[in-house]
């Protein structure tokens, strides 16, 4: 690509980030949802004219990782009719194209400069209701409320009241959902206006080249990080329970992950994962890919800018008809719950690779019990608000939980959220007002991260490391009995084996 001035590039990069943050904060100020305003399940992001993500802000990465697919779908379906014009905005919530379930709503806005489409911006939220069966009751996506592949809700800067009232009128609480929709529109308005200000200041050509460089830099940093890791194959598996609709008994579902790293590429194969269910405990392929991006960002690519370039070295195979790639029209309302377990499964494999590289400080514990690590609501419930409106949602108190423990050191007792850097803990009064709960107390849990005996843990690690060096020296390379050889060998953990039938 053409070289651009590095100082001006850094100025542009930081200003674009600040604009995305302003858009996200605008969204959070307009909405009425504790999930969004305090829990932080939202996102503002920017895309080039082709729909490739250039940069996402500090919201929930799950949304940004999926919106590129939504933009591409909009272009394929609606570019000719009704077409894209300056001032348009499109509503979207089809989880078989982007997102995790119909509750993940996004609004996409094309950005025009002198009558030319130059970029896209998008905002996303997790809303409380879509008008379908409450969480856990659906077994086809048709039961999960409105599912829209693209609908123009703002046309040439004119807000379409007919579309708005039609969408919100199909939900149990139109005001609640309506404010979420208007909040996303407001966030897009801010992002688009400020983006055009950057075009005026830096020039269109510079802005386009800077966007290309941001994507290329992310890919280069991802590949560099992978080259610093040992080659090898690691296998992990975790389980989630679902309800058998016929027997009404709990059934275990397996998530099986084989991760292979070679040179500067990383491959994931989920062969061996359980078949899709006849409940809403399924993940669509877009949701699985988005949660995989979350896992890698949490543990491996934490220092790589959030653009689509970050995932280019990653190859993914997910068999059709599994719980991680359900076939239409399977229900997927609990897709994020499956995604949470997937994040933990992938993070376990990555942690093994990082440990084999000798970077003990970068290894973080990964268990499905550590809900703060895998992200999303800690607890799901159903009931009625004070006004008697039926509601099923999740509590976000886990955003104040501990995190970050490594093999030989403690983490922090209150650490925020790995998937949502801007997340917060919901206000008690708002939760009691809008959800069927009454709090008696909520307090800080000292040592909630799970303190460890550092001396004992380090001794155990040294023992394992010594064993790895001995194995590497005796079975792999007789002359490589050094710490470097041990870090390259994945012998600290079992090699890949054939998945169970």
Protein backbone atom coordinates (compact mmCIF):
# COMPACT_ATOMS: atom_id res chain seq x y z
CA UNK A 1 0.00 0.00 0.00
CA UNK A 2 1.07 3.63 -0.38
CA UNK A 3 2.99 5.02 2.59
CA UNK A 4 1.31 7.63 4.74
CA UNK A 5 2.74 10.01 7.28
CA UNK A 6 3.10 8.04 10.55
CA UNK A 7 2.37 11.01 12.81
CA UNK A 8 -0.81 11.94 10.97
CA UNK A 9 -1.76 8.26 10.96
CA UNK A 10 -1.50 8.05 14.75
CA UNK A 11 -3.52 11.24 15.08
CA UNK A 12 -6.21 9.79 12.84
CA UNK A 13 -6.24 6.44 14.64
CA UNK A 14 -6.70 8.00 18.08
CA UNK A 15 -9.32 10.44 16.88
CA UNK A 16 -11.31 7.66 15.22
CA UNK A 17 -11.17 5.67 18.46
CA UNK A 18 -12.39 8.71 20.41
CA UNK A 19 -15.26 9.16 17.95
CA UNK A 20 -16.29 5.54 18.35
CA UNK A 21 -16.25 5.99 22.12
CA UNK A 22 -18.41 9.10 21.80
CA UNK A 23 -20.89 7.14 19.70
CA UNK A 24 -20.99 4.32 22.25
CA UNK A 25 -21.47 6.71 25.17
CA UNK A 26 -24.23 8.53 23.28
CA UNK A 27 -25.99 5.21 22.80
CA UNK A 28 -25.68 4.40 26.50
CA UNK A 29 -27.09 7.79 27.53
CA UNK A 30 -30.17 7.52 25.33
CA UNK A 31 -31.17 3.93 26.09
CA UNK A 32 -33.37 2.89 29.01
CA UNK A 33 -31.85 -0.58 29.27
CA UNK A 34 -29.64 -1.44 32.28
CA UNK A 35 -28.13 -4.12 30.05
CA UNK A 36 -26.76 -1.39 27.79
CA UNK A 37 -26.46 1.75 29.90
CA UNK A 38 -24.65 0.05 32.76
CA UNK A 39 -23.87 -3.52 31.73
CA UNK A 40 -22.23 -2.21 28.56
CA UNK A 41 -23.61 -4.73 26.04
CA UNK A 42 -23.32 -2.39 23.08
CA UNK A 43 -20.85 -1.33 20.41
CA UNK A 44 -19.98 1.40 17.93
CA UNK A 45 -17.72 0.50 15.03
CA UNK A 46 -16.45 1.63 11.61
CA UNK A 47 -16.15 -0.21 8.29
CA UNK A 48 -14.69 0.61 4.89
CA UNK A 49 -16.85 0.92 1.80
CA UNK A 50 -16.65 -2.87 1.25
CA UNK A 51 -17.93 -3.64 4.76
CA UNK A 52 -14.59 -4.70 6.29
CA UNK A 53 -14.25 -3.63 9.91
CA UNK A 54 -11.63 -0.93 10.35
CA UNK A 55 -11.99 -0.26 14.07
CA UNK A 56 -14.32 -1.07 16.96
CA UNK A 57 -14.50 0.83 20.23
CA UNK A 58 -14.42 -0.56 23.79
CA UNK A 59 -17.93 -2.02 23.77
CA UNK A 60 -18.83 -5.71 23.50
CA UNK A 61 -16.58 -7.23 20.87
CA UNK A 62 -19.15 -9.93 20.05
CA UNK A 63 -21.20 -7.34 18.18
CA UNK A 64 -18.33 -5.86 16.19
CA UNK A 65 -17.07 -9.31 15.23
CA UNK A 66 -20.38 -10.00 13.49
CA UNK A 67 -21.43 -6.70 11.92
CA UNK A 68 -19.22 -7.10 8.84
CA UNK A 69 -21.42 -10.04 7.82
CA UNK A 70 -24.55 -7.95 8.35
CA UNK A 71 -23.23 -5.20 6.07
CA UNK A 72 -22.29 -7.70 3.39
CA UNK A 73 -25.75 -9.25 3.62
CA UNK A 74 -27.41 -5.84 3.28
CA UNK A 75 -25.31 -5.10 0.19
CA UNK A 76 -26.22 -8.41 -1.45
CA UNK A 77 -29.93 -8.14 -0.72
CA UNK A 78 -30.80 -4.47 -0.85
CA UNK A 79 -28.17 -2.54 -2.83
CA UNK A 80 -30.44 -2.35 -5.88
CA UNK A 81 -33.77 -2.14 -4.10
CA UNK A 82 -34.46 -0.13 -2.04
CA UNK A 83 -30.84 1.02 -2.43
CA UNK A 84 -28.51 2.99 -0.17
CA UNK A 85 -28.70 6.76 0.07
CA UNK A 86 -27.15 9.48 2.16
CA UNK A 87 -28.98 9.59 5.50
CA UNK A 88 -30.28 5.98 5.42
CA UNK A 89 -30.10 3.61 8.39
CA UNK A 90 -31.02 -0.09 8.42
CA UNK A 91 -32.34 -2.20 11.30
CA UNK A 92 -31.03 -5.80 11.49
CA UNK A 93 -31.27 -8.74 13.92
CA UNK A 94 -31.03 -12.02 11.95
CA UNK A 95 -28.71 -14.36 13.94
CA UNK A 96 -28.21 -16.65 10.96
CA UNK A 97 -26.33 -13.81 9.27
CA UNK A 98 -24.77 -11.91 12.20
CA UNK A 99 -25.14 -11.79 15.95
CA UNK A 100 -25.98 -14.53 18.42
CA UNK A 101 -29.76 -14.37 18.73
CA UNK A 102 -32.66 -12.11 17.82
CA UNK A 103 -32.03 -10.06 20.97
CA UNK A 104 -28.81 -8.78 19.36
CA UNK A 105 -30.04 -5.79 17.38
CA UNK A 106 -27.94 -3.54 15.21
CA UNK A 107 -28.48 -0.48 13.07
CA UNK A 108 -26.16 0.11 10.14
CA UNK A 109 -25.59 3.48 8.46
CA UNK A 110 -23.80 4.07 5.14
CA UNK A 111 -21.55 7.15 5.13
CA UNK A 112 -21.53 9.28 1.96
CA UNK A 113 -19.07 12.01 0.98
CA UNK A 114 -19.88 14.13 -2.06
CA UNK A 115 -22.46 11.56 -3.19
CA UNK A 116 -20.00 8.65 -2.91
CA UNK A 117 -20.35 5.76 -0.44
CA UNK A 118 -17.03 5.84 1.43
CA UNK A 119 -17.66 3.91 4.66
CA UNK A 120 -20.17 2.40 7.08
CA UNK A 121 -20.78 2.83 10.76
CA UNK A 122 -22.86 0.59 12.99
CA UNK A 123 -24.18 0.44 16.52
CA UNK A 124 -25.40 -2.67 18.31
CA UNK A 125 -27.17 -3.52 21.55
CA UNK A 126 -28.56 -6.50 23.37
CA UNK A 127 -32.21 -5.68 24.00
CA UNK A 128 -34.59 -7.25 26.50
CA UNK A 129 -37.36 -8.55 24.27
CA UNK A 130 -38.30 -9.35 20.70
CA UNK A 131 -41.90 -10.37 21.24
CA UNK A 132 -41.41 -14.14 20.97
CA UNK A 133 -41.50 -16.89 23.55
CA UNK A 134 -39.49 -16.15 26.67
CA UNK A 135 -35.99 -17.58 26.93
CA UNK A 136 -35.98 -21.37 27.01
CA UNK A 137 -39.39 -21.92 25.42
CA UNK A 138 -38.57 -21.82 21.71
CA UNK A 139 -37.53 -24.72 19.51
CA UNK A 140 -37.64 -22.88 16.15
CA UNK A 141 -36.41 -19.41 15.35
CA UNK A 142 -39.97 -18.53 14.32
CA UNK A 143 -40.83 -18.66 18.03
CA UNK A 144 -38.17 -16.09 18.95
CA UNK A 145 -39.92 -12.90 17.90
CA UNK A 146 -39.01 -10.42 15.21
CA UNK A 147 -36.15 -11.52 12.96
CA UNK A 148 -35.28 -8.86 10.41
CA UNK A 149 -32.62 -9.27 7.68
CA UNK A 150 -32.71 -5.54 6.92
CA UNK A 151 -35.31 -2.79 7.17
CA UNK A 152 -34.80 0.88 6.44
CA UNK A 153 -35.79 2.68 9.63
CA UNK A 154 -34.27 6.04 8.63
CA UNK A 155 -34.62 7.12 5.01
CA UNK A 156 -32.61 10.08 3.75
CA UNK A 157 -32.43 11.48 7.31
CA UNK A 158 -36.20 11.05 7.83
CA UNK A 159 -37.14 8.81 10.75
CA UNK A 160 -39.71 6.24 9.56
CA UNK A 161 -42.38 6.17 12.25
CA UNK A 162 -44.28 3.41 10.43
CA UNK A 163 -41.33 1.03 10.56
CA UNK A 164 -40.47 2.01 14.13
CA UNK A 165 -43.97 1.44 15.50
CA UNK A 166 -44.30 -1.83 13.59
CA UNK A 167 -41.06 -3.19 15.09
CA UNK A 168 -41.63 -2.05 18.65
CA UNK A 169 -45.33 -2.87 18.58
CA UNK A 170 -44.49 -6.55 18.29
CA UNK A 171 -42.57 -6.44 21.59
CA UNK A 172 -43.93 -6.67 25.13
CA UNK A 173 -42.44 -3.34 26.21
CA UNK A 174 -42.43 -1.02 23.16
CA UNK A 175 -40.96 1.92 25.08
CA UNK A 176 -38.02 -0.13 26.34
CA UNK A 177 -37.15 -1.58 22.94
CA UNK A 178 -37.94 1.71 21.21
CA UNK A 179 -35.38 3.61 23.26
CA UNK A 180 -32.78 0.97 22.40
CA UNK A 181 -33.53 1.51 18.70
CA UNK A 182 -33.39 5.30 18.97
CA UNK A 183 -30.19 5.05 21.01
CA UNK A 184 -28.50 3.14 18.18
CA UNK A 185 -29.65 5.72 15.64
CA UNK A 186 -28.27 8.51 17.84
CA UNK A 187 -24.93 6.74 18.16
CA UNK A 188 -24.70 6.33 14.38
CA UNK A 189 -25.52 9.99 13.82
CA UNK A 190 -22.62 11.03 16.05
CA UNK A 191 -20.16 8.57 14.48
CA UNK A 192 -21.08 9.49 10.89
CA UNK A 193 -20.90 13.23 11.52
CA UNK A 194 -17.53 13.03 13.26
CA UNK A 195 -16.16 10.64 10.62
CA UNK A 196 -16.97 13.13 7.87
CA UNK A 197 -15.17 15.73 9.95
CA UNK A 198 -12.04 13.56 9.77
CA UNK A 199 -12.46 13.29 5.99
CA UNK A 200 -12.60 17.07 5.72
CA UNK A 201 -9.52 17.46 7.92
CA UNK A 202 -7.28 14.69 6.60
CA UNK A 203 -8.65 14.21 3.08
CA UNK A 204 -10.56 11.26 1.66
CA UNK A 205 -7.52 9.50 0.19
CA UNK A 206 -5.64 9.64 3.47
CA UNK A 207 -8.63 8.32 5.43
CA UNK A 208 -9.02 5.39 3.04
CA UNK A 209 -5.30 4.54 3.17
CA UNK A 210 -5.30 4.85 6.96
CA UNK A 211 -8.21 2.40 7.15
CA UNK A 212 -6.32 -0.09 4.99
CA UNK A 213 -3.25 0.28 7.19
CA UNK A 214 -5.26 -0.31 10.37
CA UNK A 215 -6.55 -3.60 8.95
CA UNK A 216 -3.10 -4.63 7.71
CA UNK A 217 -1.45 -3.70 11.01
CA UNK A 218 -3.92 -5.87 12.93
CA UNK A 219 -3.20 -8.84 10.69
CA UNK A 220 0.56 -8.29 10.95
CA UNK A 221 0.43 -8.13 14.77
CA UNK A 222 -1.71 -11.26 14.94
CA UNK A 223 0.69 -13.20 12.75
CA UNK A 224 3.68 -11.93 14.72
CA UNK A 225 2.10 -13.09 17.96
CA UNK A 226 1.43 -16.53 16.45
CA UNK A 227 5.01 -16.84 15.19
CA UNK A 228 6.19 -16.28 18.75
CA UNK A 229 4.20 -19.30 19.93
CA UNK A 230 5.24 -22.97 19.64
CA UNK A 231 3.80 -25.09 16.86
CA UNK A 232 1.58 -27.89 18.04
CA UNK A 233 -1.91 -29.26 18.51
CA UNK A 234 -4.01 -28.95 21.64
CA UNK A 235 -7.36 -30.54 22.44
CA UNK A 236 -9.97 -29.27 24.89
CA UNK A 237 -13.54 -30.18 25.63
CA UNK A 238 -16.19 -28.72 27.88
CA UNK A 239 -19.83 -29.48 28.52
CA UNK A 240 -23.11 -27.65 28.77
CA UNK A 241 -26.43 -29.11 29.85
CA UNK A 242 -29.69 -28.74 27.93
CA UNK A 243 -33.21 -29.89 28.64
CA UNK A 244 -34.59 -32.89 26.78
CA UNK A 245 -38.08 -31.77 25.80
CA UNK A 246 -39.50 -35.30 25.82
CA UNK A 247 -38.06 -36.67 29.07
CA UNK A 248 -37.74 -33.25 30.79
CA UNK A 249 -34.32 -34.35 32.01
CA UNK A 250 -30.97 -32.67 31.73
CA UNK A 251 -28.74 -33.81 28.86
CA UNK A 252 -25.02 -33.11 28.52
CA UNK A 253 -23.76 -31.54 25.31
CA UNK A 254 -20.06 -31.59 24.41
CA UNK A 255 -18.01 -28.83 22.84
CA UNK A 256 -14.88 -30.45 21.35
CA UNK A 257 -12.05 -28.22 20.15
CA UNK A 258 -8.87 -29.21 18.32
CA UNK A 259 -6.54 -26.23 17.96
CA UNK A 260 -3.51 -26.48 15.67
CA UNK A 261 -0.91 -23.76 15.39
CA UNK A 262 1.62 -23.79 12.55
CA UNK A 263 3.90 -20.87 11.70
CA UNK A 264 1.68 -17.77 11.63
CA UNK A 265 -1.69 -19.48 11.30
CA UNK A 266 -4.11 -20.92 13.83
CA UNK A 267 -6.71 -23.53 12.92
CA UNK A 268 -9.75 -24.61 14.94
CA UNK A 269 -11.64 -27.81 14.24
CA UNK A 270 -14.80 -28.50 16.24
CA UNK A 271 -15.39 -32.01 14.90
CA UNK A 272 -16.72 -34.10 17.77
CA UNK A 273 -19.07 -31.41 19.05
CA UNK A 274 -22.56 -32.62 19.96
CA UNK A 275 -25.45 -32.32 17.47
CA UNK A 276 -27.81 -29.36 17.63
CA UNK A 277 -30.69 -29.60 20.06
CA UNK A 278 -34.45 -29.21 19.68
CA UNK A 279 -34.36 -26.38 22.25
CA UNK A 280 -32.96 -22.86 21.95
CA UNK A 281 -29.54 -24.04 23.22
CA UNK A 282 -27.85 -23.73 19.84
CA UNK A 283 -25.30 -21.41 18.32
CA UNK A 284 -25.42 -20.23 14.71
CA UNK A 285 -22.14 -20.17 12.78
CA UNK A 286 -21.89 -16.33 12.95
CA UNK A 287 -22.33 -16.50 16.72
CA UNK A 288 -19.67 -19.19 17.04
CA UNK A 289 -17.19 -17.16 14.98
CA UNK A 290 -17.93 -14.03 17.03
CA UNK A 291 -17.34 -15.85 20.32
CA UNK A 292 -14.15 -17.37 18.96
CA UNK A 293 -12.96 -13.83 18.23
CA UNK A 294 -13.82 -12.97 21.84
CA UNK A 295 -11.76 -15.86 23.19
CA UNK A 296 -8.70 -14.98 21.12
CA UNK A 297 -8.97 -11.31 22.06
CA UNK A 298 -9.21 -12.19 25.76
CA UNK A 299 -6.10 -14.34 25.90
CA UNK A 300 -3.91 -14.08 22.79
CA UNK A 301 -4.63 -10.99 20.67
CA UNK A 302 -5.26 -8.65 23.61
CA UNK A 303 -2.73 -6.14 22.24
CA UNK A 304 -4.02 -6.25 18.63
CA UNK A 305 -6.36 -3.44 17.45
CA UNK A 306 -9.96 -4.51 16.91
CA UNK A 307 -10.37 -4.83 13.15
CA UNK A 308 -11.18 -7.69 10.78
CA UNK A 309 -7.45 -8.06 10.07
CA UNK A 310 -7.00 -9.64 13.48
CA UNK A 311 -8.85 -12.82 12.47
CA UNK A 312 -7.31 -13.32 9.02
CA UNK A 313 -4.68 -15.82 10.27
CA UNK A 314 -7.43 -17.92 11.89
CA UNK A 315 -9.11 -20.81 10.07
CA UNK A 316 -12.28 -22.37 11.43
CA UNK A 317 -14.09 -25.64 10.70
CA UNK A 318 -17.44 -26.27 12.39
CA UNK A 319 -19.50 -29.26 11.16
CA UNK A 320 -23.05 -28.52 10.03
CA UNK A 321 -25.88 -29.51 12.31
CA UNK A 322 -23.89 -29.27 15.52
CA UNK A 323 -24.62 -27.20 18.59
CA UNK A 324 -22.02 -24.72 17.25
CA UNK A 325 -23.42 -24.54 13.70
CA UNK A 326 -27.13 -25.24 13.90
CA UNK A 327 -29.20 -25.57 10.76
CA UNK A 328 -32.02 -23.17 10.02
CA UNK A 329 -34.66 -22.86 11.44
CA UNK A 330 -33.32 -24.08 14.80
CA UNK A 331 -33.93 -21.80 17.76
CA UNK A 332 -30.85 -20.02 19.12
CA UNK A 333 -32.10 -17.78 21.92
CA UNK A 334 -29.54 -19.26 24.31
CA UNK A 335 -26.78 -18.93 21.70
CA UNK A 336 -24.69 -16.64 23.93
CA UNK A 337 -24.77 -19.27 26.68
CA UNK A 338 -23.33 -21.82 24.27
CA UNK A 339 -20.93 -19.10 23.16
CA UNK A 340 -19.82 -18.52 26.75
CA UNK A 341 -18.83 -22.16 27.10
CA UNK A 342 -17.13 -21.97 23.70
CA UNK A 343 -15.07 -18.99 24.88
CA UNK A 344 -13.94 -20.97 27.89
CA UNK A 345 -13.16 -24.04 25.73
CA UNK A 346 -11.03 -22.04 23.29
CA UNK A 347 -9.33 -20.06 26.06
CA UNK A 348 -8.26 -23.33 27.66
CA UNK A 349 -6.58 -24.44 24.42
CA UNK A 350 -4.89 -21.05 23.99
CA UNK A 351 -3.74 -21.08 27.62
CA UNK A 352 -2.03 -24.43 27.03
CA UNK A 353 -0.22 -23.00 24.01
CA UNK A 354 0.85 -19.89 25.89
CA UNK A 355 2.08 -21.99 28.79
CA UNK A 356 4.10 -24.15 26.40
CA UNK A 357 5.74 -20.94 25.16
CA UNK A 358 6.94 -20.13 28.67
CA UNK A 359 4.88 -16.94 29.01
CA UNK A 360 3.46 -17.80 32.41
CA UNK A 361 2.37 -14.23 33.12
CA UNK A 362 0.04 -14.35 30.10
CA UNK A 363 -1.72 -17.55 31.16
CA UNK A 364 -5.13 -16.91 32.71
CA UNK A 365 -7.44 -19.44 34.31
CA UNK A 366 -10.37 -20.52 32.13
CA UNK A 367 -13.33 -22.39 33.57
CA UNK A 368 -17.02 -22.22 32.88
CA UNK A 369 -17.45 -21.57 36.59
CA UNK A 370 -15.63 -18.28 36.15
CA UNK A 371 -18.57 -16.53 34.52
CA UNK A 372 -16.73 -13.21 34.53
CA UNK A 373 -14.15 -14.72 32.20
CA UNK A 374 -16.51 -16.14 29.62
CA UNK A 375 -18.72 -13.05 29.63
CA UNK A 376 -22.39 -12.20 29.34
CA UNK A 377 -25.12 -12.45 31.98
CA UNK A 378 -24.25 -14.58 34.97
CA UNK A 379 -27.81 -15.69 35.67
CA UNK A 380 -30.95 -15.95 33.56
CA UNK A 381 -34.43 -15.60 34.98
CA UNK A 382 -38.07 -15.07 34.08
CA UNK A 383 -40.85 -13.12 35.75
CA UNK A 384 -42.74 -9.83 35.65
CA UNK A 385 -41.83 -6.19 36.15
CA UNK A 386 -43.61 -3.91 38.64
CA UNK A 387 -46.04 -3.05 35.86
CA UNK A 388 -46.83 -6.73 35.29
CA UNK A 389 -44.94 -6.96 31.99
CA UNK A 390 -43.45 -10.41 31.35
CA UNK A 391 -39.67 -10.27 31.15
CA UNK A 392 -36.81 -12.76 30.83
CA UNK A 393 -33.31 -11.41 31.02
CA UNK A 394 -29.92 -11.80 32.70
CA UNK A 395 -28.23 -10.26 35.73
CA UNK A 396 -24.93 -8.49 35.16
CA UNK A 397 -23.62 -8.43 38.74
CA UNK A 398 -20.77 -10.65 37.55
CA UNK A 399 -19.22 -7.58 35.92
CA UNK A 400 -17.86 -6.81 39.38
CA UNK A 401 -16.25 -10.23 39.80
CA UNK A 402 -12.59 -11.15 40.09
CA UNK A 403 -10.40 -12.16 37.18
CA UNK A 404 -6.88 -12.48 35.86
CA UNK A 405 -5.31 -15.18 38.04
CA UNK A 406 -2.19 -16.74 36.51
CA UNK A 407 -0.52 -20.04 37.48
CA UNK A 408 1.83 -18.37 39.97
CA UNK A 409 0.05 -15.18 41.04
CA UNK A 410 -3.34 -13.95 42.19
CA UNK A 411 -5.69 -11.98 40.01
CA UNK A 412 -7.75 -8.99 41.09
CA UNK A 413 -10.89 -9.21 43.19
CA UNK A 414 -12.90 -6.75 41.11
CA UNK A 415 -11.66 -6.68 37.56
CA UNK A 416 -14.35 -5.48 35.20
CA UNK A 417 -15.06 -7.55 32.11
CA UNK A 418 -12.61 -9.09 29.65
CA UNK A 419 -15.07 -9.07 26.75
CA UNK A 420 -16.45 -5.59 27.44
CA UNK A 421 -13.73 -3.15 28.58
CA UNK A 422 -16.34 -0.41 29.17
CA UNK A 423 -18.71 -2.62 31.18
CA UNK A 424 -20.10 -1.76 34.59
CA UNK A 425 -22.26 -3.38 37.26
CA UNK A 426 -25.97 -2.58 36.99
CA UNK A 427 -27.52 -0.21 39.50
CA UNK A 428 -29.60 -2.04 42.14
CA UNK A 429 -32.51 0.42 42.03
CA UNK A 430 -32.85 0.16 38.26
CA UNK A 431 -32.75 -3.62 38.39
CA UNK A 432 -35.50 -3.66 41.03
CA UNK A 433 -37.58 -1.22 39.02
CA UNK A 434 -37.40 -3.01 35.67
CA UNK A 435 -36.87 -6.65 36.64
CA UNK A 436 -38.56 -9.05 39.13
CA UNK A 437 -35.94 -8.73 41.88
CA UNK A 438 -35.57 -7.28 45.36
CA UNK A 439 -32.01 -7.00 46.65
CA UNK A 440 -31.29 -7.55 50.34
CA UNK A 441 -27.58 -6.88 49.93
CA UNK A 442 -24.78 -6.72 47.39
CA UNK A 443 -21.25 -6.51 48.69
CA UNK A 444 -17.63 -6.83 47.64
CA UNK A 445 -16.29 -10.37 47.97
CA UNK A 446 -12.73 -10.18 49.22
CA UNK A 447 -10.45 -12.76 47.62
CA UNK A 448 -13.27 -13.60 45.20
CA UNK A 449 -10.72 -14.14 42.48
CA UNK A 450 -9.49 -17.25 44.32
CA UNK A 451 -6.15 -16.67 46.01
CA UNK A 452 -3.45 -19.25 45.47
CA UNK A 453 -0.44 -20.41 47.40
CA UNK A 454 2.09 -18.80 45.11
CA UNK A 455 5.08 -20.78 46.39
CA UNK A 456 3.28 -24.12 46.04
CA UNK A 457 1.83 -23.23 42.65
CA UNK A 458 5.21 -22.15 41.34
CA UNK A 459 6.82 -25.33 42.61
CA UNK A 460 4.16 -27.34 40.77
CA UNK A 461 4.79 -25.40 37.59
CA UNK A 462 8.53 -25.95 37.88
CA UNK A 463 7.89 -29.67 38.30
CA UNK A 464 5.74 -29.75 35.17
CA UNK A 465 8.27 -27.66 33.26
CA UNK A 466 11.07 -30.00 34.32
CA UNK A 467 9.03 -32.97 33.13
CA UNK A 468 8.43 -31.23 29.81
CA UNK A 469 12.16 -30.65 29.36
CA UNK A 470 12.92 -34.28 30.14
CA UNK A 471 10.27 -35.51 27.70
CA UNK A 472 11.51 -33.12 25.02
CA UNK A 473 15.09 -34.21 25.57
CA UNK A 474 14.40 -37.94 25.54
CA UNK A 475 11.72 -38.28 22.87
CA UNK A 476 11.90 -35.28 20.58
CA UNK A 477 15.46 -34.01 20.30
CA UNK A 478 18.21 -35.48 22.48
CA UNK A 479 20.23 -32.28 22.25
CA UNK A 480 17.40 -29.94 23.13
CA UNK A 481 17.19 -30.29 26.91
CA UNK A 482 16.97 -26.51 27.36
CA UNK A 483 14.09 -24.28 28.49
CA UNK A 484 13.77 -23.07 24.91
CA UNK A 485 13.18 -26.60 23.69
CA UNK A 486 10.64 -27.15 26.43
CA UNK A 487 8.70 -24.06 25.43
CA UNK A 488 8.52 -25.18 21.82
CA UNK A 489 7.23 -28.64 22.64
CA UNK A 490 3.51 -28.91 23.44
CA UNK A 491 4.28 -32.04 25.50
CA UNK A 492 3.07 -30.36 28.67
CA UNK A 493 -0.41 -31.19 27.51
CA UNK A 494 -1.83 -34.20 25.66
CA UNK A 495 -1.54 -34.12 21.86
CA UNK A 496 -4.60 -34.24 19.70
CA UNK A 497 -6.55 -37.47 19.74
CA UNK A 498 -9.45 -38.59 17.67
CA UNK A 499 -12.72 -37.14 18.95
CA UNK A 500 -15.20 -39.56 20.44
CA UNK A 501 -17.78 -41.09 18.19
